[in-house]
Amino acid sequence: MCRTGRQTDPADPHPDTRTDTDPAADTAAGTDTGTGTDVEAESGKASNAAFAALLEDSAEDLYESAPCGYLSMLMDGTIAKINTTLLDWLGLDREAVVGRMRFTDLLTVGGKLYHETHFAPLLRMQGRIGGIALEMKQADGARMPVLVSSVVKYGGGGEPLLIRTTVFDARDRRAYEEELLRGRKAAEEARRQAEADRARLQEALAVLQQSLLPATLPPVPGMETAAHYFTASPDRLGGDFYDVFAVDGKRFAFFLGDVCGKGPQAAAVTSLTRYTLRAAALHDSEPVAALSTLNKVLYERYSAGGDPRYCTAVFGVLEPDPATGQVTVRIASGGHPPALVLRADGTADFLPTPGGLLVGVLPDARFVAATTVLAPGDTLLLYTDGLTEARTGEDRDTLYGDEALRAFATEHAGRRPQAVIQALTGLLDEFGDGLDDDTALLALGVPASDPVPDPDPDPATKSTR
């Protein structure tokens, strides 16, 4: 219908915008056809009309071209209606589907099984089911992951009439999930590989650590020996060391120390220190001479080159006297915690070694020797600072300290070296996470004629952790 009453020209592409007069003729006659406001109003009307036209979707078009699949089925699953979207997804013709196929015919074998055992029974019991992940078969044999929701339509008497189902394309979601799974598997594989690499590293570090320690302590005539090495972290190579070895047919040398730092560089210094002390003792077994030789070697090797590497060390010589059963100990220290002497009478005290400097820091370090005699029942205890610097207390902010160690040693004075080391091993275990540095222990004792009974004797001369 023409709003002006004039018959519409079928050839006119815009019949609604025509008027009764010709604007060109009016202009030629000098007639004013409108103002700028009129033009804007007409433009706004045109825009509104175009927007309204976009919204004029029919219900059928909404159904057929929806962004999801729609289908209606009889209660036995026969497809009675299906929209174009789902047909396009599956690559099927409407004539081949409607009235000829059941919903399960659109599913993969696994989807059919799940539909029969879970989907359909739940739908019958509940009347609706939503968001179920299934797979549909496409005409080319490909699988299409979908999310399916169904609801049962009931008649006036409550009888089920048909099943309405919506199908959502889950291919993008499946791809995202698979990418997440691949990422998770890659992360798990990386974690397993990292754990395997760490285990191999720990094994290699343990083997290397063992190579820096004596496999066993040699028997010393007239004495008993015991040692223990505590590894604070299996991921780090420690720098603590100890050894006992024969100097000649009568005397034995011993040493214990701690290299500054951790890791391969500390291990290299440890190895150099051990072999230097053993070689120095064969040349001159006097403790001061041995430490002086080590100091010279470390300084010339590291400090003089601008990469200072140093250590603390205790070096001593044992001279057993078979006639008296006593053992004379000459000892010198280079910046190391003092040794403890546990006496058979139940006392314990530090053996002063004053004036000892860190080994390897200065070109001409001064060391001082000390001498003591071990009688039957006495034990000389050497240790590294991991023991005295263990953090104790509820807040782990208090160091164990020298006095606590002296009191502990006093409680075990008179016992055999193995029992003393065993007690100290238990103490290290009690520290728990408060012990964050490696600790080496070495006990050298003279057997008593009537020793204090050991609570749980341990014949092992060396243990590591």
Protein backbone atom coordinates (compact mmCIF):
# COMPACT_ATOMS: atom_id res chain seq x y z
CA MET A 1 0.00 0.00 0.00
CA CYS A 2 1.27 3.48 -0.89
CA ARG A 3 0.99 5.98 1.93
CA THR A 4 0.32 8.81 -0.56
CA GLY A 5 -2.57 7.07 -2.23
CA ARG A 6 -0.66 6.76 -5.47
CA GLN A 7 -0.33 3.28 -7.09
CA THR A 8 3.01 1.75 -6.30
CA ASP A 9 5.36 1.20 -9.16
CA PRO A 10 6.60 -2.43 -8.95
CA ALA A 11 9.84 -1.32 -10.51
CA ASP A 12 10.47 1.25 -7.82
CA PRO A 13 13.03 -0.24 -5.43
CA HIS A 14 12.04 2.11 -2.63
CA PRO A 15 8.31 2.57 -2.80
CA ASP A 16 7.97 3.67 0.81
CA THR A 17 10.26 6.68 0.29
CA ARG A 18 8.39 8.20 -2.71
CA THR A 19 6.16 11.29 -2.39
CA ASP A 20 3.32 12.92 -4.39
CA THR A 21 5.55 15.61 -5.91
CA ASP A 22 8.74 15.59 -7.86
CA PRO A 23 11.49 17.30 -5.79
CA ALA A 24 13.29 18.39 -8.94
CA ALA A 25 10.14 20.02 -10.34
CA ASP A 26 9.40 21.69 -7.06
CA THR A 27 12.91 23.07 -6.94
CA ALA A 28 12.63 24.33 -10.50
CA ALA A 29 9.35 26.11 -9.58
CA GLY A 30 11.04 27.75 -6.66
CA THR A 31 9.26 25.70 -4.01
CA ASP A 32 11.09 24.91 -0.70
CA THR A 33 11.02 21.09 -0.27
CA GLY A 34 12.34 20.88 3.32
CA THR A 35 15.03 21.90 5.79
CA GLY A 36 18.14 20.09 7.17
CA THR A 37 16.03 18.85 10.09
CA ASP A 38 13.68 17.09 7.71
CA VAL A 39 16.61 15.33 6.05
CA GLU A 40 17.95 14.09 9.39
CA ALA A 41 14.51 12.82 10.37
CA GLU A 42 14.16 10.90 7.14
CA SER A 43 17.67 9.40 7.65
CA GLY A 44 16.80 8.28 11.16
CA LYS A 45 13.63 6.62 9.94
CA ALA A 46 15.62 4.73 7.34
CA SER A 47 18.12 3.48 9.95
CA ASN A 48 15.35 2.33 12.28
CA ALA A 49 13.68 0.51 9.43
CA ALA A 50 16.90 -1.27 8.54
CA PHE A 51 17.48 -2.30 12.17
CA ALA A 52 13.91 -3.59 12.46
CA ALA A 53 14.41 -5.61 9.32
CA LEU A 54 17.41 -7.36 10.91
CA LEU A 55 15.22 -8.48 13.80
CA GLU A 56 12.45 -9.86 11.62
CA ASP A 57 13.52 -13.55 11.93
CA SER A 58 10.85 -16.14 11.57
CA ALA A 59 10.51 -18.89 14.19
CA GLU A 60 11.27 -21.42 11.49
CA ASP A 61 14.49 -19.64 10.52
CA LEU A 62 15.52 -19.40 14.16
CA TYR A 63 14.97 -23.15 14.52
CA GLU A 64 16.67 -24.21 11.32
CA SER A 65 19.68 -21.88 11.51
CA ALA A 66 20.24 -21.88 15.27
CA PRO A 67 23.88 -22.07 16.49
CA CYS A 68 23.04 -25.45 18.00
CA GLY A 69 21.39 -28.62 16.83
CA TYR A 70 17.69 -29.31 17.50
CA LEU A 71 15.78 -32.53 17.08
CA SER A 72 12.55 -34.02 18.33
CA MET A 73 12.10 -37.76 18.79
CA LEU A 74 9.38 -40.18 19.57
CA MET A 75 9.70 -42.03 22.83
CA ASP A 76 11.36 -44.96 21.05
CA GLY A 77 14.06 -42.60 19.76
CA THR A 78 12.76 -42.25 16.17
CA ILE A 79 13.71 -38.83 14.87
CA ALA A 80 10.62 -36.81 13.96
CA LYS A 81 12.22 -33.45 13.38
CA ILE A 82 15.79 -32.17 13.00
CA ASN A 83 17.15 -28.75 12.16
CA THR A 84 19.46 -27.77 9.32
CA THR A 85 22.34 -26.91 11.63
CA LEU A 86 22.63 -30.46 12.96
CA LEU A 87 22.18 -31.97 9.50
CA ASP A 88 25.01 -29.79 8.18
CA TRP A 89 27.26 -30.78 11.08
CA LEU A 90 26.70 -34.47 10.41
CA GLY A 91 26.61 -34.20 6.60
CA LEU A 92 23.21 -35.91 6.36
CA ASP A 93 20.05 -35.32 4.31
CA ARG A 94 16.75 -34.66 6.02
CA GLU A 95 14.94 -37.31 3.99
CA ALA A 96 17.44 -39.95 5.15
CA VAL A 97 17.00 -39.06 8.80
CA VAL A 98 13.43 -38.04 9.63
CA GLY A 99 11.27 -41.09 10.29
CA ARG A 100 14.08 -43.43 9.23
CA MET A 101 16.74 -43.11 11.92
CA ARG A 102 16.77 -43.18 15.66
CA PHE A 103 18.84 -40.91 17.83
CA THR A 104 21.22 -43.71 18.69
CA ASP A 105 21.95 -44.18 14.97
CA LEU A 106 23.66 -40.79 15.06
CA LEU A 107 25.99 -41.85 17.87
CA THR A 108 29.31 -43.69 17.87
CA VAL A 109 29.53 -47.16 19.39
CA GLY A 110 30.71 -45.74 22.68
CA GLY A 111 28.01 -43.08 22.58
CA LYS A 112 25.35 -45.72 22.00
CA LEU A 113 26.56 -47.73 24.94
CA TYR A 114 26.53 -44.72 27.23
CA HIS A 115 23.10 -43.66 25.94
CA GLU A 116 21.56 -47.05 26.65
CA THR A 117 23.16 -47.53 30.08
CA HIS A 118 23.06 -43.99 31.48
CA PHE A 119 21.47 -41.31 29.33
CA ALA A 120 18.16 -42.97 28.48
CA PRO A 121 17.48 -44.44 31.96
CA LEU A 122 18.13 -41.09 33.65
CA LEU A 123 15.93 -39.30 31.12
CA ARG A 124 13.06 -41.72 31.77
CA MET A 125 13.38 -41.32 35.55
CA GLN A 126 13.96 -37.56 35.72
CA GLY A 127 12.21 -36.32 32.61
CA ARG A 128 15.22 -34.21 31.70
CA ILE A 129 18.99 -34.49 31.50
CA GLY A 130 21.53 -31.87 30.53
CA GLY A 131 25.10 -31.31 29.41
CA ILE A 132 26.00 -34.92 28.67
CA ALA A 133 29.16 -35.40 26.60
CA LEU A 134 28.64 -37.81 23.68
CA GLU A 135 30.15 -38.42 20.26
CA MET A 136 28.19 -38.35 17.01
CA LYS A 137 29.11 -39.93 13.68
CA GLN A 138 29.58 -37.70 10.69
CA ALA A 139 28.89 -38.88 7.16
CA ASP A 140 32.61 -39.05 6.38
CA GLY A 141 33.22 -41.32 9.38
CA ALA A 142 34.70 -38.64 11.59
CA ARG A 143 33.68 -38.29 15.21
CA MET A 144 32.11 -35.11 16.46
CA PRO A 145 32.15 -34.42 20.21
CA VAL A 146 28.89 -32.84 21.38
CA LEU A 147 27.07 -31.85 24.56
CA VAL A 148 23.49 -33.15 24.61
CA SER A 149 20.52 -32.00 26.70
CA SER A 150 17.06 -33.59 26.48
CA VAL A 151 13.66 -33.00 28.01
CA VAL A 152 10.49 -35.13 27.79
CA LYS A 153 7.27 -33.46 26.66
CA TYR A 154 4.22 -34.79 28.47
CA GLY A 155 0.57 -34.77 27.45
CA GLY A 156 -2.38 -33.46 29.44
CA GLY A 157 -2.75 -36.81 31.16
CA GLY A 158 0.92 -36.98 32.12
CA GLU A 159 1.81 -39.46 29.41
CA PRO A 160 5.18 -38.91 27.67
CA LEU A 161 4.72 -37.76 24.10
CA LEU A 162 8.13 -36.96 22.66
CA ILE A 163 11.70 -36.02 23.50
CA ARG A 164 13.15 -32.62 22.65
CA THR A 165 16.90 -32.51 22.38
CA THR A 166 19.53 -29.80 21.87
CA VAL A 167 23.02 -30.61 20.63
CA PHE A 168 26.00 -28.27 21.10
CA ASP A 169 29.18 -28.53 19.06
CA ALA A 170 31.99 -29.41 21.51
CA ARG A 171 34.83 -29.70 18.99
CA ASP A 172 36.52 -26.50 20.12
CA ARG A 173 36.02 -27.48 23.73
CA ARG A 174 37.40 -30.98 23.05
CA ALA A 175 40.43 -29.46 21.31
CA TYR A 176 40.99 -27.19 24.30
CA GLU A 177 40.63 -30.09 26.73
CA GLU A 178 42.99 -32.23 24.68
CA GLU A 179 45.50 -29.39 24.65
CA LEU A 180 45.19 -29.17 28.43
CA LEU A 181 45.67 -32.92 28.70
CA ARG A 182 48.72 -32.77 26.46
CA GLY A 183 50.09 -29.98 28.59
CA ARG A 184 49.38 -31.95 31.75
CA LYS A 185 51.01 -35.06 30.33
CA ALA A 186 54.01 -33.02 29.24
CA ALA A 187 54.24 -31.50 32.71
CA GLU A 188 53.96 -34.93 34.33
CA GLU A 189 56.62 -36.31 32.01
CA ALA A 190 58.85 -33.35 32.77
CA ARG A 191 58.29 -33.90 36.48
CA ARG A 192 59.12 -37.60 36.20
CA GLN A 193 62.18 -36.78 34.14
CA ALA A 194 63.25 -34.17 36.68
CA GLU A 195 62.77 -36.67 39.51
CA ALA A 196 64.78 -39.27 37.60
CA ASP A 197 67.50 -36.74 36.87
CA ARG A 198 67.53 -35.71 40.51
CA ALA A 199 67.78 -39.32 41.63
CA ARG A 200 70.70 -39.92 39.26
CA LEU A 201 72.34 -36.71 40.48
CA GLN A 202 71.87 -37.70 44.10
CA GLU A 203 73.33 -41.12 43.36
CA ALA A 204 76.32 -39.54 41.63
CA LEU A 205 76.79 -37.07 44.48
CA ALA A 206 76.59 -39.88 47.03
CA VAL A 207 79.23 -41.87 45.16
CA LEU A 208 81.46 -38.80 44.88
CA GLN A 209 80.91 -37.99 48.55
CA GLN A 210 81.94 -41.52 49.49
CA SER A 211 85.09 -41.17 47.41
CA LEU A 212 86.11 -38.22 49.59
CA LEU A 213 85.81 -40.32 52.75
CA PRO A 214 87.65 -43.46 53.83
CA ALA A 215 85.70 -46.62 53.10
CA THR A 216 86.66 -47.97 56.53
CA LEU A 217 88.86 -46.80 59.33
CA PRO A 218 92.06 -48.86 59.74
CA PRO A 219 92.59 -50.72 62.99
CA VAL A 220 94.80 -48.79 65.38
CA PRO A 221 96.62 -51.03 67.91
CA GLY A 222 95.45 -50.36 71.43
CA MET A 223 92.60 -48.08 70.30
CA GLU A 224 89.03 -48.07 69.05
CA THR A 225 87.77 -45.74 66.33
CA ALA A 226 84.37 -44.70 65.02
CA ALA A 227 83.14 -42.10 62.55
CA HIS A 228 79.93 -40.76 61.07
CA TYR A 229 79.11 -38.40 58.22
CA PHE A 230 75.74 -36.63 58.14
CA THR A 231 74.65 -35.25 54.76
CA ALA A 232 72.29 -32.33 55.28
CA SER A 233 71.02 -32.41 51.68
CA PRO A 234 71.34 -35.21 49.11
CA ASP A 235 71.30 -32.52 46.40
CA ARG A 236 74.49 -30.85 47.59
CA LEU A 237 78.01 -32.14 47.75
CA GLY A 238 79.45 -31.42 51.18
CA GLY A 239 82.93 -30.25 52.04
CA ASP A 240 83.52 -32.02 55.37
CA PHE A 241 86.25 -34.64 55.51
CA TYR A 242 88.15 -36.94 57.87
CA ASP A 243 90.69 -39.76 57.72
CA VAL A 244 92.86 -42.04 59.82
CA PHE A 245 95.99 -43.66 58.40
CA ALA A 246 99.29 -45.22 59.44
CA VAL A 247 102.41 -43.05 59.37
CA ASP A 248 104.86 -45.77 60.23
CA GLY A 249 104.82 -49.03 62.11
CA LYS A 250 103.96 -47.35 65.44
CA ARG A 251 102.25 -44.03 64.78
CA PHE A 252 98.95 -43.14 63.18
CA ALA A 253 97.82 -39.78 61.85
CA PHE A 254 94.29 -38.44 61.76
CA PHE A 255 92.57 -35.31 60.51
CA LEU A 256 89.10 -33.81 60.26
CA GLY A 257 88.01 -30.58 58.65
CA ASP A 258 85.52 -28.51 56.71
CA VAL A 259 86.04 -26.81 53.35
CA CYS A 260 84.36 -23.45 52.79
CA GLY A 261 81.44 -23.78 50.38
CA LYS A 262 79.46 -26.59 48.79
CA GLY A 263 79.30 -28.33 45.47
CA PRO A 264 81.93 -29.47 42.95
CA GLN A 265 84.38 -26.69 43.77
CA ALA A 266 84.30 -27.58 47.47
CA ALA A 267 84.74 -31.24 46.52
CA ALA A 268 87.84 -30.35 44.51
CA VAL A 269 89.32 -28.52 47.51
CA THR A 270 88.38 -31.44 49.78
CA SER A 271 90.14 -33.92 47.53
CA LEU A 272 93.23 -31.71 47.34
CA THR A 273 93.22 -31.24 51.11
CA ARG A 274 92.98 -34.95 51.89
CA TYR A 275 95.78 -36.00 49.58
CA THR A 276 97.99 -33.07 50.62
CA LEU A 277 97.67 -33.93 54.31
CA ARG A 278 98.39 -37.61 53.72
CA ALA A 279 101.43 -36.80 51.60
CA ALA A 280 102.65 -34.15 54.07
CA ALA A 281 102.36 -36.59 56.99
CA LEU A 282 104.59 -39.10 55.24
CA HIS A 283 107.21 -36.40 54.79
CA ASP A 284 106.85 -34.74 58.23
CA SER A 285 104.13 -36.00 60.56
CA GLU A 286 104.36 -33.13 63.01
CA PRO A 287 100.86 -31.53 63.11
CA VAL A 288 102.12 -27.97 62.68
CA ALA A 289 104.26 -28.97 59.69
CA ALA A 290 101.37 -30.83 58.03
CA LEU A 291 98.99 -27.88 58.36
CA SER A 292 101.67 -25.46 57.15
CA THR A 293 102.17 -27.56 54.03
CA LEU A 294 98.43 -27.62 53.39
CA ASN A 295 98.22 -23.86 53.91
CA LYS A 296 100.95 -23.26 51.34
CA VAL A 297 99.33 -25.55 48.78
CA LEU A 298 95.85 -24.02 49.12
CA TYR A 299 97.13 -20.46 49.09
CA GLU A 300 99.30 -20.93 46.02
CA ARG A 301 96.58 -22.86 44.22
CA TYR A 302 93.64 -20.55 44.93
CA SER A 303 94.21 -17.38 46.94
CA ALA A 304 97.24 -16.20 44.99
CA GLY A 305 95.20 -16.48 41.80
CA GLY A 306 92.37 -14.29 43.08
CA ASP A 307 89.98 -17.16 43.88
CA PRO A 308 90.48 -17.81 47.60
CA ARG A 309 89.58 -21.27 48.83
CA TYR A 310 90.19 -22.23 52.39
CA CYS A 311 89.24 -24.73 55.05
CA THR A 312 89.34 -25.43 58.75
CA ALA A 313 91.20 -28.55 59.85
CA VAL A 314 92.47 -30.50 62.83
CA PHE A 315 95.52 -32.69 62.30
CA GLY A 316 97.00 -35.00 64.90
CA VAL A 317 99.30 -37.95 65.52
CA LEU A 318 98.61 -40.94 67.79
CA GLU A 319 101.50 -42.66 69.59
CA PRO A 320 100.27 -45.71 71.52
CA ASP A 321 102.40 -46.97 74.43
CA PRO A 322 101.87 -50.72 74.77
CA ALA A 323 103.56 -50.76 78.15
CA THR A 324 101.14 -48.35 79.83
CA GLY A 325 98.13 -48.74 77.55
CA GLN A 326 98.07 -44.99 77.09
CA VAL A 327 98.13 -43.03 73.86
CA THR A 328 99.89 -39.69 73.42
CA VAL A 329 98.07 -37.31 71.10
CA ARG A 330 99.80 -34.35 69.45
CA ILE A 331 97.32 -32.11 67.68
CA ALA A 332 97.19 -28.78 65.85
CA SER A 333 94.19 -26.82 64.59
CA GLY A 334 93.68 -24.40 61.74
CA GLY A 335 90.61 -22.35 62.62
CA HIS A 336 88.65 -25.45 63.57
CA PRO A 337 86.38 -25.98 66.61
CA PRO A 338 88.38 -27.45 69.50
CA ALA A 339 88.44 -31.18 70.09
CA LEU A 340 86.67 -32.68 73.09
CA VAL A 341 88.31 -35.13 75.48
CA LEU A 342 85.89 -37.48 77.24
CA ARG A 343 87.55 -38.97 80.31
CA ALA A 344 86.93 -42.32 81.94
CA ASP A 345 86.01 -40.57 85.21
CA GLY A 346 82.89 -39.09 83.63
CA THR A 347 84.23 -35.64 82.79
CA ALA A 348 84.62 -33.95 79.42
CA ASP A 349 86.38 -30.79 78.33
CA PHE A 350 87.75 -29.04 75.27
CA LEU A 351 91.39 -29.42 74.30
CA PRO A 352 92.63 -25.85 73.69
CA THR A 353 94.45 -25.23 70.40
CA PRO A 354 94.87 -21.44 70.42
CA GLY A 355 96.16 -19.28 67.63
CA GLY A 356 95.18 -21.46 64.67
CA LEU A 357 94.21 -19.52 61.53
CA LEU A 358 92.03 -20.60 58.64
CA VAL A 359 94.05 -22.79 56.33
CA GLY A 360 94.75 -21.24 52.92
CA VAL A 361 93.94 -17.58 53.65
CA LEU A 362 97.41 -16.16 54.40
CA PRO A 363 100.71 -17.13 52.80
CA ASP A 364 102.39 -17.68 56.20
CA ALA A 365 99.77 -18.87 58.66
CA ARG A 366 100.79 -19.69 62.24
CA PHE A 367 99.63 -22.89 63.89
CA VAL A 368 100.13 -24.08 67.47
CA ALA A 369 100.31 -27.67 68.65
CA ALA A 370 98.80 -29.14 71.80
CA THR A 371 99.42 -32.46 73.53
CA THR A 372 97.23 -34.71 75.63
CA VAL A 373 97.35 -38.29 76.84
CA LEU A 374 94.46 -40.70 76.49
CA ALA A 375 94.28 -43.25 79.30
CA PRO A 376 92.10 -46.37 79.19
CA GLY A 377 88.46 -45.31 78.97
CA ASP A 378 89.29 -41.88 77.45
CA THR A 379 88.01 -40.77 74.03
CA LEU A 380 89.05 -37.90 71.77
CA LEU A 381 86.08 -36.46 69.83
CA LEU A 382 86.47 -34.38 66.68
CA TYR A 383 83.53 -32.74 64.89
CA THR A 384 82.68 -30.07 62.33
CA ASP A 385 80.65 -26.93 63.04
CA GLY A 386 77.45 -28.38 61.58
CA LEU A 387 76.94 -29.91 65.03
CA THR A 388 77.40 -26.80 67.17
CA GLU A 389 75.63 -24.51 64.67
CA ALA A 390 72.49 -26.62 64.48
CA ARG A 391 69.40 -24.48 65.10
CA THR A 392 67.29 -25.52 68.08
CA GLY A 393 64.19 -24.31 69.88
CA GLU A 394 60.63 -23.95 68.64
CA ASP A 395 61.55 -21.09 66.32
CA ARG A 396 64.86 -22.66 65.26
CA ASP A 397 66.66 -19.43 66.14
CA THR A 398 69.04 -20.72 68.85
CA LEU A 399 72.34 -22.39 68.00
CA TYR A 400 73.15 -25.61 69.82
CA GLY A 401 76.55 -24.24 70.86
CA ASP A 402 79.76 -25.43 72.51
CA GLU A 403 78.46 -25.63 76.06
CA ALA A 404 75.52 -27.80 75.12
CA LEU A 405 77.92 -30.11 73.31
CA ARG A 406 80.23 -30.25 76.34
CA ALA A 407 77.27 -31.16 78.57
CA PHE A 408 76.16 -33.84 76.12
CA ALA A 409 79.67 -35.27 75.92
CA THR A 410 79.92 -35.36 79.71
CA GLU A 411 76.80 -37.54 79.85
CA HIS A 412 78.55 -40.08 77.61
CA ALA A 413 82.06 -39.85 79.02
CA GLY A 414 83.61 -43.24 79.75
CA ARG A 415 81.75 -44.97 76.92
CA ARG A 416 83.38 -46.57 73.92
CA PRO A 417 83.87 -44.47 70.75
CA GLN A 418 81.15 -46.41 68.93
CA ALA A 419 78.64 -45.58 71.69
CA VAL A 420 79.62 -41.92 71.67
CA ILE A 421 79.18 -41.66 67.90
CA GLN A 422 75.88 -43.48 68.11
CA ALA A 423 74.60 -41.04 70.73
CA LEU A 424 75.70 -38.08 68.61
CA THR A 425 74.01 -39.57 65.54
CA GLY A 426 70.76 -39.70 67.51
CA LEU A 427 71.30 -36.07 68.51
CA LEU A 428 71.70 -35.06 64.86
CA ASP A 429 68.46 -36.84 64.02
CA GLU A 430 66.68 -34.94 66.79
CA PHE A 431 67.73 -31.62 65.27
CA GLY A 432 65.56 -32.38 62.22
CA ASP A 433 65.33 -29.43 59.86
CA GLY A 434 67.42 -27.40 62.28
CA LEU A 435 70.50 -29.16 60.92
CA ASP A 436 71.21 -27.56 57.54
CA ASP A 437 74.95 -28.19 57.26
CA ASP A 438 76.92 -31.39 56.78
CA THR A 439 78.52 -32.79 59.92
CA ALA A 440 81.52 -35.09 60.28
CA LEU A 441 82.27 -36.93 63.53
CA LEU A 442 85.42 -38.86 64.49
CA ALA A 443 85.99 -40.56 67.85
CA LEU A 444 89.35 -42.10 68.87
CA GLY A 445 89.44 -43.90 72.20
CA VAL A 446 91.45 -46.22 74.39
CA PRO A 447 89.50 -49.27 75.55
CA ALA A 448 88.82 -49.36 79.28
CA SER A 449 89.56 -52.43 81.34
CA ASP A 450 86.03 -52.13 82.79
CA PRO A 451 84.09 -50.05 80.23
CA VAL A 452 80.73 -48.45 80.87
CA PRO A 453 78.09 -50.69 79.25
CA ASP A 454 76.86 -49.43 75.91
CA PRO A 455 73.09 -48.95 75.67
CA ASP A 456 72.99 -50.35 72.14
CA PRO A 457 76.46 -51.18 70.83
CA ASP A 458 77.03 -50.65 67.13
CA PRO A 459 80.08 -52.44 65.70
CA ALA A 460 80.17 -50.27 62.56
CA THR A 461 83.15 -47.97 62.36
CA LYS A 462 81.64 -45.63 59.78
CA SER A 463 78.18 -44.71 58.69
CA THR A 464 76.86 -42.09 56.32
CA ARG A 465 73.55 -40.39 55.83
